[in-house]
Amino acid sequence: MFNDIAGRYDFLNRLLSLGQDVRWRNALKKFMPDTEGQTILDLATGTADVLITLTKNNPRILRGYGVDPAVKMLEIGRKKIEACHLDKILMLQQGDAQALGFLDNTFDCVTISFGIRNIPDLRLALLEMYRVTKKGGRVLILEFSKPENPLLKAGHWFYLQAVVPAVGFLFSGNFKAYSYLNQTIQSFPYGERFCKILKQMGFINIQPYPLMGGAATIYVAEK
């Protein structure tokens, strides 16, 4: 599905989020560790927007890897990395977040943005993230959630249910992909429920940080 929409993916992200996706990625960057010479991993990296944001103008990053199952998304991501002159420190590869091809305790920081809800086995992916993170390292998860305010919640629901699929279909020709977005947001265990799952997987110092009234949330956790 993501291969099918790869060519319009970045454009529709900007359009459908009203540009908020850029702000959210920059907010994610603020929660990265302060250690020098970091090696980082971004899962469900797509076209590498998150990986580029975290690395650009950040001298603490020594090496970064992005993993995604969609080959066409990665092809676009590699071109963007080259255009930013980051190809010497960033590498993209096809892979599954449920079975990562990295050794234990490899990364100072592991991130995933708007992708955790798409993984079939949520807990298996979290266990893999825990495994490859160094002791004392940090995991950052940026994901859609639901506003607590009733009016915001109703408007958010209407936007996802009606506007997103229609606009997505108009520009990509793929109605299913953008109606799927709403379905996964509705079923994802956001907020305190997700924090409890992170704790069950072994993470500590777990903190949720709502964005835009709760439309999205950054979850910060440590190993």
C-alpha atoms as a PDB file:
ATOM      1  CA  MET A   1       0.000   0.000   0.000  1.00  0.00           C
ATOM      2  CA  PHE A   2       2.779   2.445   0.909  1.00  0.00           C
ATOM      3  CA  ASN A   3       4.657   1.584  -2.284  1.00  0.00           C
ATOM      4  CA  ASP A   4       1.512   2.573  -4.212  1.00  0.00           C
ATOM      5  CA  ILE A   5       1.336   6.045  -2.652  1.00  0.00           C
ATOM      6  CA  ALA A   6       5.084   6.705  -2.345  1.00  0.00           C
ATOM      7  CA  GLY A   7       5.167   9.351  -5.098  1.00  0.00           C
ATOM      8  CA  ARG A   8       2.575  11.569  -3.392  1.00  0.00           C
ATOM      9  CA  TYR A   9       3.329  10.627   0.197  1.00  0.00           C
ATOM     10  CA  ASP A  10       5.394  13.674   1.241  1.00  0.00           C
ATOM     11  CA  PHE A  11       3.082  16.151  -0.495  1.00  0.00           C
ATOM     12  CA  LEU A  12      -0.014  14.677   1.139  1.00  0.00           C
ATOM     13  CA  ASN A  13       1.663  14.613   4.548  1.00  0.00           C
ATOM     14  CA  ARG A  14       2.215  18.366   4.316  1.00  0.00           C
ATOM     15  CA  LEU A  15      -1.281  18.983   2.969  1.00  0.00           C
ATOM     16  CA  LEU A  16      -3.313  16.749   5.267  1.00  0.00           C
ATOM     17  CA  SER A  17      -1.447  17.748   8.428  1.00  0.00           C
ATOM     18  CA  LEU A  18      -1.640  21.423   7.447  1.00  0.00           C
ATOM     19  CA  GLY A  19       2.127  21.534   7.812  1.00  0.00           C
ATOM     20  CA  GLN A  20       2.039  20.254  11.392  1.00  0.00           C
ATOM     21  CA  ASP A  21       4.087  17.149  10.514  1.00  0.00           C
ATOM     22  CA  VAL A  22       7.161  19.383  10.114  1.00  0.00           C
ATOM     23  CA  ARG A  23       6.614  20.951  13.548  1.00  0.00           C
ATOM     24  CA  TRP A  24       6.037  17.557  15.135  1.00  0.00           C
ATOM     25  CA  ARG A  25       9.294  16.153  13.749  1.00  0.00           C
ATOM     26  CA  ASN A  26      11.182  19.170  15.081  1.00  0.00           C
ATOM     27  CA  ALA A  27       9.511  18.642  18.461  1.00  0.00           C
ATOM     28  CA  LEU A  28      10.714  15.031  18.421  1.00  0.00           C
ATOM     29  CA  LYS A  29      14.282  16.223  17.939  1.00  0.00           C
ATOM     30  CA  LYS A  30      14.162  18.073  21.266  1.00  0.00           C
ATOM     31  CA  PHE A  31      13.821  14.786  23.165  1.00  0.00           C
ATOM     32  CA  MET A  32      16.945  13.157  21.749  1.00  0.00           C
ATOM     33  CA  PRO A  33      19.758  12.230  24.177  1.00  0.00           C
ATOM     34  CA  ASP A  34      22.558  14.728  24.815  1.00  0.00           C
ATOM     35  CA  THR A  35      25.373  12.200  24.346  1.00  0.00           C
ATOM     36  CA  GLU A  36      28.046  12.770  21.719  1.00  0.00           C
ATOM     37  CA  GLY A  37      28.764  10.336  18.884  1.00  0.00           C
ATOM     38  CA  GLN A  38      25.257   8.871  18.801  1.00  0.00           C
ATOM     39  CA  THR A  39      24.143   6.020  16.577  1.00  0.00           C
ATOM     40  CA  ILE A  40      20.412   6.254  15.904  1.00  0.00           C
ATOM     41  CA  LEU A  41      17.737   4.094  14.278  1.00  0.00           C
ATOM     42  CA  ASP A  42      14.474   5.268  12.728  1.00  0.00           C
ATOM     43  CA  LEU A  43      11.833   2.608  12.093  1.00  0.00           C
ATOM     44  CA  ALA A  44       9.036   2.908   9.524  1.00  0.00           C
ATOM     45  CA  THR A  45      11.354   5.557   8.132  1.00  0.00           C
ATOM     46  CA  GLY A  46       9.440   5.927   4.847  1.00  0.00           C
ATOM     47  CA  THR A  47      10.977   8.717   2.794  1.00  0.00           C
ATOM     48  CA  ALA A  48      13.443   9.508   5.617  1.00  0.00           C
ATOM     49  CA  ASP A  49      11.947  12.840   6.730  1.00  0.00           C
ATOM     50  CA  VAL A  50      12.378  12.004  10.421  1.00  0.00           C
ATOM     51  CA  LEU A  51      15.906  10.674  10.022  1.00  0.00           C
ATOM     52  CA  ILE A  52      16.952  13.777   8.088  1.00  0.00           C
ATOM     53  CA  THR A  53      15.341  16.119  10.642  1.00  0.00           C
ATOM     54  CA  LEU A  54      17.060  14.394  13.558  1.00  0.00           C
ATOM     55  CA  THR A  55      20.466  14.422  11.850  1.00  0.00           C
ATOM     56  CA  LYS A  56      20.581  17.761  10.045  1.00  0.00           C
ATOM     57  CA  ASN A  57      22.522  20.406  12.000  1.00  0.00           C
ATOM     58  CA  ASN A  58      23.041  17.890  14.801  1.00  0.00           C
ATOM     59  CA  PRO A  59      26.782  17.241  15.309  1.00  0.00           C
ATOM     60  CA  ARG A  60      26.029  14.667  18.026  1.00  0.00           C
ATOM     61  CA  ILE A  61      24.951  12.114  15.390  1.00  0.00           C
ATOM     62  CA  LEU A  62      27.743   9.819  14.261  1.00  0.00           C
ATOM     63  CA  ARG A  63      25.648   7.362  12.262  1.00  0.00           C
ATOM     64  CA  GLY A  64      21.973   6.853  11.466  1.00  0.00           C
ATOM     65  CA  TYR A  65      19.957   3.989  10.017  1.00  0.00           C
ATOM     66  CA  GLY A  66      16.431   3.921   8.643  1.00  0.00           C
ATOM     67  CA  VAL A  67      14.371   0.750   8.191  1.00  0.00           C
ATOM     68  CA  ASP A  68      11.141   0.344   6.243  1.00  0.00           C
ATOM     69  CA  PRO A  69       9.456  -2.502   4.331  1.00  0.00           C
ATOM     70  CA  ALA A  70       8.385  -0.275   1.395  1.00  0.00           C
ATOM     71  CA  VAL A  71      11.128  -0.231  -1.268  1.00  0.00           C
ATOM     72  CA  LYS A  72       9.716   2.705  -3.244  1.00  0.00           C
ATOM     73  CA  MET A  73       9.542   4.868  -0.148  1.00  0.00           C
ATOM     74  CA  LEU A  74      13.192   4.086   0.573  1.00  0.00           C
ATOM     75  CA  GLU A  75      14.194   4.997  -2.984  1.00  0.00           C
ATOM     76  CA  ILE A  76      12.741   8.474  -2.494  1.00  0.00           C
ATOM     77  CA  GLY A  77      14.367   8.711   0.928  1.00  0.00           C
ATOM     78  CA  ARG A  78      17.835   7.933  -0.462  1.00  0.00           C
ATOM     79  CA  LYS A  79      17.509  10.739  -3.019  1.00  0.00           C
ATOM     80  CA  LYS A  80      16.533  13.186  -0.278  1.00  0.00           C
ATOM     81  CA  ILE A  81      19.464  12.099   1.898  1.00  0.00           C
ATOM     82  CA  GLU A  82      21.875  12.642  -1.007  1.00  0.00           C
ATOM     83  CA  ALA A  83      20.367  16.062  -1.695  1.00  0.00           C
ATOM     84  CA  CYS A  84      21.015  17.007   1.949  1.00  0.00           C
ATOM     85  CA  HIS A  85      24.608  15.690   1.719  1.00  0.00           C
ATOM     86  CA  LEU A  86      23.964  13.245   4.553  1.00  0.00           C
ATOM     87  CA  ASP A  87      24.655  10.054   2.591  1.00  0.00           C
ATOM     88  CA  LYS A  88      27.982   9.488   4.375  1.00  0.00           C
ATOM     89  CA  ILE A  89      26.321   9.078   7.763  1.00  0.00           C
ATOM     90  CA  LEU A  90      22.782   7.904   6.951  1.00  0.00           C
ATOM     91  CA  MET A  91      21.829   4.516   5.539  1.00  0.00           C
ATOM     92  CA  LEU A  92      18.397   3.170   4.575  1.00  0.00           C
ATOM     93  CA  GLN A  93      17.520  -0.502   4.299  1.00  0.00           C
ATOM     94  CA  GLN A  94      14.457  -2.631   3.766  1.00  0.00           C
ATOM     95  CA  GLY A  95      13.410  -4.469   6.898  1.00  0.00           C
ATOM     96  CA  ASP A  96      10.752  -5.447   9.395  1.00  0.00           C
ATOM     97  CA  ALA A  97      10.462  -3.702  12.772  1.00  0.00           C
ATOM     98  CA  GLN A  98       9.325  -7.028  14.233  1.00  0.00           C
ATOM     99  CA  ALA A  99      12.639  -8.715  13.342  1.00  0.00           C
ATOM    100  CA  LEU A 100      15.485  -6.196  13.202  1.00  0.00           C
ATOM    101  CA  GLY A 101      18.826  -7.234  11.761  1.00  0.00           C
ATOM    102  CA  PHE A 102      20.891  -5.412  14.388  1.00  0.00           C
ATOM    103  CA  LEU A 103      22.820  -6.647  17.419  1.00  0.00           C
ATOM    104  CA  ASP A 104      21.619  -6.080  20.977  1.00  0.00           C
ATOM    105  CA  ASN A 105      22.459  -2.724  22.607  1.00  0.00           C
ATOM    106  CA  THR A 106      23.450  -1.011  19.355  1.00  0.00           C
ATOM    107  CA  PHE A 107      21.661   2.353  19.356  1.00  0.00           C
ATOM    108  CA  ASP A 108      21.662   5.402  21.610  1.00  0.00           C
ATOM    109  CA  CYS A 109      18.238   6.408  20.315  1.00  0.00           C
ATOM    110  CA  VAL A 110      15.510   4.504  18.448  1.00  0.00           C
ATOM    111  CA  THR A 111      12.594   6.396  16.904  1.00  0.00           C
ATOM    112  CA  ILE A 112       9.399   5.643  15.043  1.00  0.00           C
ATOM    113  CA  SER A 113       6.932   8.260  13.811  1.00  0.00           C
ATOM    114  CA  PHE A 114       3.375   7.510  12.693  1.00  0.00           C
ATOM    115  CA  GLY A 115       4.337   3.911  12.063  1.00  0.00           C
ATOM    116  CA  ILE A 116       3.929   1.915  15.271  1.00  0.00           C
ATOM    117  CA  ARG A 117       0.173   1.601  14.757  1.00  0.00           C
ATOM    118  CA  ASN A 118       0.747  -0.042  11.347  1.00  0.00           C
ATOM    119  CA  ILE A 119       2.855  -2.906  12.695  1.00  0.00           C
ATOM    120  CA  PRO A 120       0.895  -6.183  13.001  1.00  0.00           C
ATOM    121  CA  ASP A 121       2.462  -7.235  16.320  1.00  0.00           C
ATOM    122  CA  LEU A 122       2.885  -4.085  18.414  1.00  0.00           C
ATOM    123  CA  ARG A 123       4.502  -5.815  21.374  1.00  0.00           C
ATOM    124  CA  LEU A 124       6.997  -7.730  19.263  1.00  0.00           C
ATOM    125  CA  ALA A 125       8.121  -4.473  17.624  1.00  0.00           C
ATOM    126  CA  LEU A 126       8.509  -2.805  21.038  1.00  0.00           C
ATOM    127  CA  LEU A 127      10.563  -5.743  22.304  1.00  0.00           C
ATOM    128  CA  GLU A 128      12.825  -5.418  19.269  1.00  0.00           C
ATOM    129  CA  MET A 129      13.200  -1.694  19.899  1.00  0.00           C
ATOM    130  CA  TYR A 130      14.094  -2.450  23.511  1.00  0.00           C
ATOM    131  CA  ARG A 131      16.619  -5.112  22.466  1.00  0.00           C
ATOM    132  CA  VAL A 132      18.610  -2.921  20.063  1.00  0.00           C
ATOM    133  CA  THR A 133      18.631   0.140  22.361  1.00  0.00           C
ATOM    134  CA  LYS A 134      21.666   0.589  24.601  1.00  0.00           C
ATOM    135  CA  LYS A 135      21.154   0.481  28.356  1.00  0.00           C
ATOM    136  CA  GLY A 136      20.351   4.038  29.332  1.00  0.00           C
ATOM    137  CA  GLY A 137      19.396   4.800  25.734  1.00  0.00           C
ATOM    138  CA  ARG A 138      16.149   6.388  24.677  1.00  0.00           C
ATOM    139  CA  VAL A 139      13.159   5.415  22.550  1.00  0.00           C
ATOM    140  CA  LEU A 140      10.994   8.148  20.996  1.00  0.00           C
ATOM    141  CA  ILE A 141       7.594   7.291  19.521  1.00  0.00           C
ATOM    142  CA  LEU A 142       5.545   9.933  17.708  1.00  0.00           C
ATOM    143  CA  GLU A 143       2.028   8.770  16.955  1.00  0.00           C
ATOM    144  CA  PHE A 144      -1.496  10.024  16.350  1.00  0.00           C
ATOM    145  CA  SER A 145      -3.814  10.090  19.344  1.00  0.00           C
ATOM    146  CA  LYS A 146      -7.206  11.580  20.189  1.00  0.00           C
ATOM    147  CA  PRO A 147      -7.852  14.991  21.759  1.00  0.00           C
ATOM    148  CA  GLU A 148      -9.512  14.972  25.185  1.00  0.00           C
ATOM    149  CA  ASN A 149     -11.561  18.122  24.509  1.00  0.00           C
ATOM    150  CA  PRO A 150     -14.978  16.975  23.166  1.00  0.00           C
ATOM    151  CA  LEU A 151     -15.171  19.654  20.475  1.00  0.00           C
ATOM    152  CA  LEU A 152     -11.623  19.022  19.283  1.00  0.00           C
ATOM    153  CA  LYS A 153     -12.265  15.292  19.396  1.00  0.00           C
ATOM    154  CA  ALA A 154     -15.402  15.609  17.244  1.00  0.00           C
ATOM    155  CA  GLY A 155     -13.653  17.847  14.711  1.00  0.00           C
ATOM    156  CA  HIS A 156     -10.638  15.543  14.652  1.00  0.00           C
ATOM    157  CA  TRP A 157     -12.865  12.511  14.033  1.00  0.00           C
ATOM    158  CA  PHE A 158     -14.735  14.237  11.173  1.00  0.00           C
ATOM    159  CA  TYR A 159     -11.473  15.341   9.567  1.00  0.00           C
ATOM    160  CA  LEU A 160     -10.045  11.820   9.657  1.00  0.00           C
ATOM    161  CA  GLN A 161     -13.296  10.117   8.664  1.00  0.00           C
ATOM    162  CA  ALA A 162     -14.375  12.377   5.807  1.00  0.00           C
ATOM    163  CA  VAL A 163     -11.709  14.875   4.732  1.00  0.00           C
ATOM    164  CA  VAL A 164      -8.534  12.738   4.796  1.00  0.00           C
ATOM    165  CA  PRO A 165      -9.843   9.868   2.601  1.00  0.00           C
ATOM    166  CA  ALA A 166     -11.408  12.288   0.105  1.00  0.00           C
ATOM    167  CA  VAL A 167      -8.312  14.484  -0.266  1.00  0.00           C
ATOM    168  CA  GLY A 168      -6.019  11.456  -0.246  1.00  0.00           C
ATOM    169  CA  PHE A 169      -7.998   9.871  -3.059  1.00  0.00           C
ATOM    170  CA  LEU A 170      -8.097  13.123  -5.022  1.00  0.00           C
ATOM    171  CA  PHE A 171      -4.309  13.475  -5.101  1.00  0.00           C
ATOM    172  CA  SER A 172      -3.139   9.856  -4.944  1.00  0.00           C
ATOM    173  CA  GLY A 173      -6.006   7.896  -6.506  1.00  0.00           C
ATOM    174  CA  ASN A 174      -5.894   5.513  -3.539  1.00  0.00           C
ATOM    175  CA  PHE A 175      -8.953   5.791  -1.297  1.00  0.00           C
ATOM    176  CA  LYS A 176      -8.136   2.640   0.677  1.00  0.00           C
ATOM    177  CA  ALA A 177      -4.753   3.917   1.875  1.00  0.00           C
ATOM    178  CA  TYR A 178      -6.174   7.081   3.394  1.00  0.00           C
ATOM    179  CA  SER A 179      -9.286   5.490   4.882  1.00  0.00           C
ATOM    180  CA  TYR A 180      -6.907   2.971   6.477  1.00  0.00           C
ATOM    181  CA  LEU A 181      -5.267   5.881   8.307  1.00  0.00           C
ATOM    182  CA  ASN A 182      -8.467   6.624  10.216  1.00  0.00           C
ATOM    183  CA  GLN A 183      -9.039   2.964  11.075  1.00  0.00           C
ATOM    184  CA  THR A 184      -5.587   2.531  12.618  1.00  0.00           C
ATOM    185  CA  ILE A 185      -5.840   5.760  14.627  1.00  0.00           C
ATOM    186  CA  GLN A 186      -9.200   4.692  16.073  1.00  0.00           C
ATOM    187  CA  SER A 187      -7.871   1.293  17.161  1.00  0.00           C
ATOM    188  CA  PHE A 188      -4.447   2.343  18.512  1.00  0.00           C
ATOM    189  CA  PRO A 189      -4.061   2.214  22.348  1.00  0.00           C
ATOM    190  CA  TYR A 190      -2.906   5.812  22.820  1.00  0.00           C
ATOM    191  CA  GLY A 191      -2.146   7.751  25.994  1.00  0.00           C
ATOM    192  CA  GLU A 192      -1.956   5.963  29.335  1.00  0.00           C
ATOM    193  CA  ARG A 193      -2.859   2.622  27.749  1.00  0.00           C
ATOM    194  CA  PHE A 194       0.180   2.817  25.499  1.00  0.00           C
ATOM    195  CA  CYS A 195       2.392   3.935  28.399  1.00  0.00           C
ATOM    196  CA  LYS A 196       1.329   0.802  30.306  1.00  0.00           C
ATOM    197  CA  ILE A 197       2.300  -1.367  27.331  1.00  0.00           C
ATOM    198  CA  LEU A 198       5.715   0.316  27.181  1.00  0.00           C
ATOM    199  CA  LYS A 199       6.192  -0.437  30.880  1.00  0.00           C
ATOM    200  CA  GLN A 200       5.222  -4.077  30.324  1.00  0.00           C
ATOM    201  CA  MET A 201       7.883  -4.331  27.622  1.00  0.00           C
ATOM    202  CA  GLY A 202      10.557  -3.250  30.120  1.00  0.00           C
ATOM    203  CA  PHE A 203      10.894   0.482  29.443  1.00  0.00           C
ATOM    204  CA  ILE A 204      11.351   2.980  32.278  1.00  0.00           C
ATOM    205  CA  ASN A 205      10.944   6.755  32.778  1.00  0.00           C
ATOM    206  CA  ILE A 206       7.994   6.788  30.382  1.00  0.00           C
ATOM    207  CA  GLN A 207       6.434  10.174  29.639  1.00  0.00           C
ATOM    208  CA  PRO A 208       3.746  11.169  27.104  1.00  0.00           C
ATOM    209  CA  TYR A 209       3.847  14.661  25.591  1.00  0.00           C
ATOM    210  CA  PRO A 210       0.600  15.595  23.753  1.00  0.00           C
ATOM    211  CA  LEU A 211       0.826  17.843  20.698  1.00  0.00           C
ATOM    212  CA  MET A 212      -1.846  20.083  19.156  1.00  0.00           C
ATOM    213  CA  GLY A 213      -4.392  19.398  21.889  1.00  0.00           C
ATOM    214  CA  GLY A 214      -3.731  15.663  21.805  1.00  0.00           C
ATOM    215  CA  ALA A 215      -4.033  15.068  18.055  1.00  0.00           C
ATOM    216  CA  ALA A 216      -0.594  13.477  18.291  1.00  0.00           C
ATOM    217  CA  THR A 217       1.649  12.412  21.172  1.00  0.00           C
ATOM    218  CA  ILE A 218       5.384  11.959  21.656  1.00  0.00           C
ATOM    219  CA  TYR A 219       6.163   9.051  23.997  1.00  0.00           C
ATOM    220  CA  VAL A 220       9.603   9.195  25.598  1.00  0.00           C
ATOM    221  CA  ALA A 221      10.965   6.047  27.240  1.00  0.00           C
ATOM    222  CA  GLU A 222      14.331   4.709  28.357  1.00  0.00           C
ATOM    223  CA  LYS A 223      15.920   1.291  28.650  1.00  0.00           C
END
